[in-house]
Amino acid sequence: MSQFSKQEDTYTNGEFIIHASQLISRGQFDFMLYEQIQLAS
């Protein structure tokens, strides 16, 4: 999980959406999306 936290701030919004969509099957998407929303607001 921590490796994604370090990487995500280097993504643009579009790249994050693509990356997050690849995590859905791993069950991490909800957490990642929530965290991204918190950072964006």
C-alpha atoms as a PDB file:
ATOM      1  CA  MET A   1       0.000   0.000   0.000  1.00  0.00           C
ATOM      2  CA  SER A   2       2.734   2.455   0.988  1.00  0.00           C
ATOM      3  CA  GLN A   3       4.402   2.197  -2.411  1.00  0.00           C
ATOM      4  CA  PHE A   4       1.198   3.452  -4.046  1.00  0.00           C
ATOM      5  CA  SER A   5       0.966   6.335  -1.586  1.00  0.00           C
ATOM      6  CA  LYS A   6       4.442   7.469  -2.587  1.00  0.00           C
ATOM      7  CA  GLN A   7       3.697   7.162  -6.307  1.00  0.00           C
ATOM      8  CA  GLU A   8       0.232   8.657  -6.548  1.00  0.00           C
ATOM      9  CA  ASP A   9       1.269  12.295  -6.113  1.00  0.00           C
ATOM     10  CA  THR A  10       3.273  11.992  -9.336  1.00  0.00           C
ATOM     11  CA  TYR A  11       0.191  11.064 -11.352  1.00  0.00           C
ATOM     12  CA  THR A  12      -1.978  13.474 -13.261  1.00  0.00           C
ATOM     13  CA  ASN A  13      -5.716  13.002 -12.744  1.00  0.00           C
ATOM     14  CA  GLY A  14      -6.005  10.977 -15.949  1.00  0.00           C
ATOM     15  CA  GLU A  15      -3.082   8.746 -15.075  1.00  0.00           C
ATOM     16  CA  PHE A  16      -4.461   8.195 -11.591  1.00  0.00           C
ATOM     17  CA  ILE A  17      -7.824   7.097 -12.975  1.00  0.00           C
ATOM     18  CA  ILE A  18      -6.115   4.583 -15.261  1.00  0.00           C
ATOM     19  CA  HIS A  19      -3.913   3.335 -12.433  1.00  0.00           C
ATOM     20  CA  ALA A  20      -6.811   3.132  -9.984  1.00  0.00           C
ATOM     21  CA  SER A  21      -8.928   1.196 -12.466  1.00  0.00           C
ATOM     22  CA  GLN A  22      -6.193  -1.444 -12.572  1.00  0.00           C
ATOM     23  CA  LEU A  23      -6.406  -1.810  -8.791  1.00  0.00           C
ATOM     24  CA  ILE A  24     -10.151  -2.565  -8.646  1.00  0.00           C
ATOM     25  CA  SER A  25      -9.599  -6.319  -8.853  1.00  0.00           C
ATOM     26  CA  ARG A  26      -7.115  -6.088  -5.980  1.00  0.00           C
ATOM     27  CA  GLY A  27      -9.691  -4.429  -3.746  1.00  0.00           C
ATOM     28  CA  GLN A  28      -7.578  -1.300  -3.322  1.00  0.00           C
ATOM     29  CA  PHE A  29      -9.518   1.033  -5.591  1.00  0.00           C
ATOM     30  CA  ASP A  30     -11.922   2.339  -2.945  1.00  0.00           C
ATOM     31  CA  PHE A  31      -9.072   3.315  -0.640  1.00  0.00           C
ATOM     32  CA  MET A  32      -7.057   4.904  -3.426  1.00  0.00           C
ATOM     33  CA  LEU A  33     -10.013   6.861  -4.761  1.00  0.00           C
ATOM     34  CA  TYR A  34     -10.901   8.097  -1.283  1.00  0.00           C
ATOM     35  CA  GLU A  35      -7.328   9.191  -0.643  1.00  0.00           C
ATOM     36  CA  GLN A  36      -7.099  10.962  -4.004  1.00  0.00           C
ATOM     37  CA  ILE A  37     -10.344  12.833  -3.332  1.00  0.00           C
ATOM     38  CA  GLN A  38      -8.976  13.975   0.031  1.00  0.00           C
ATOM     39  CA  LEU A  39      -5.781  15.230  -1.600  1.00  0.00           C
ATOM     40  CA  ALA A  40      -7.678  17.038  -4.344  1.00  0.00           C
ATOM     41  CA  SER A  41     -10.048  18.857  -1.998  1.00  0.00           C
END
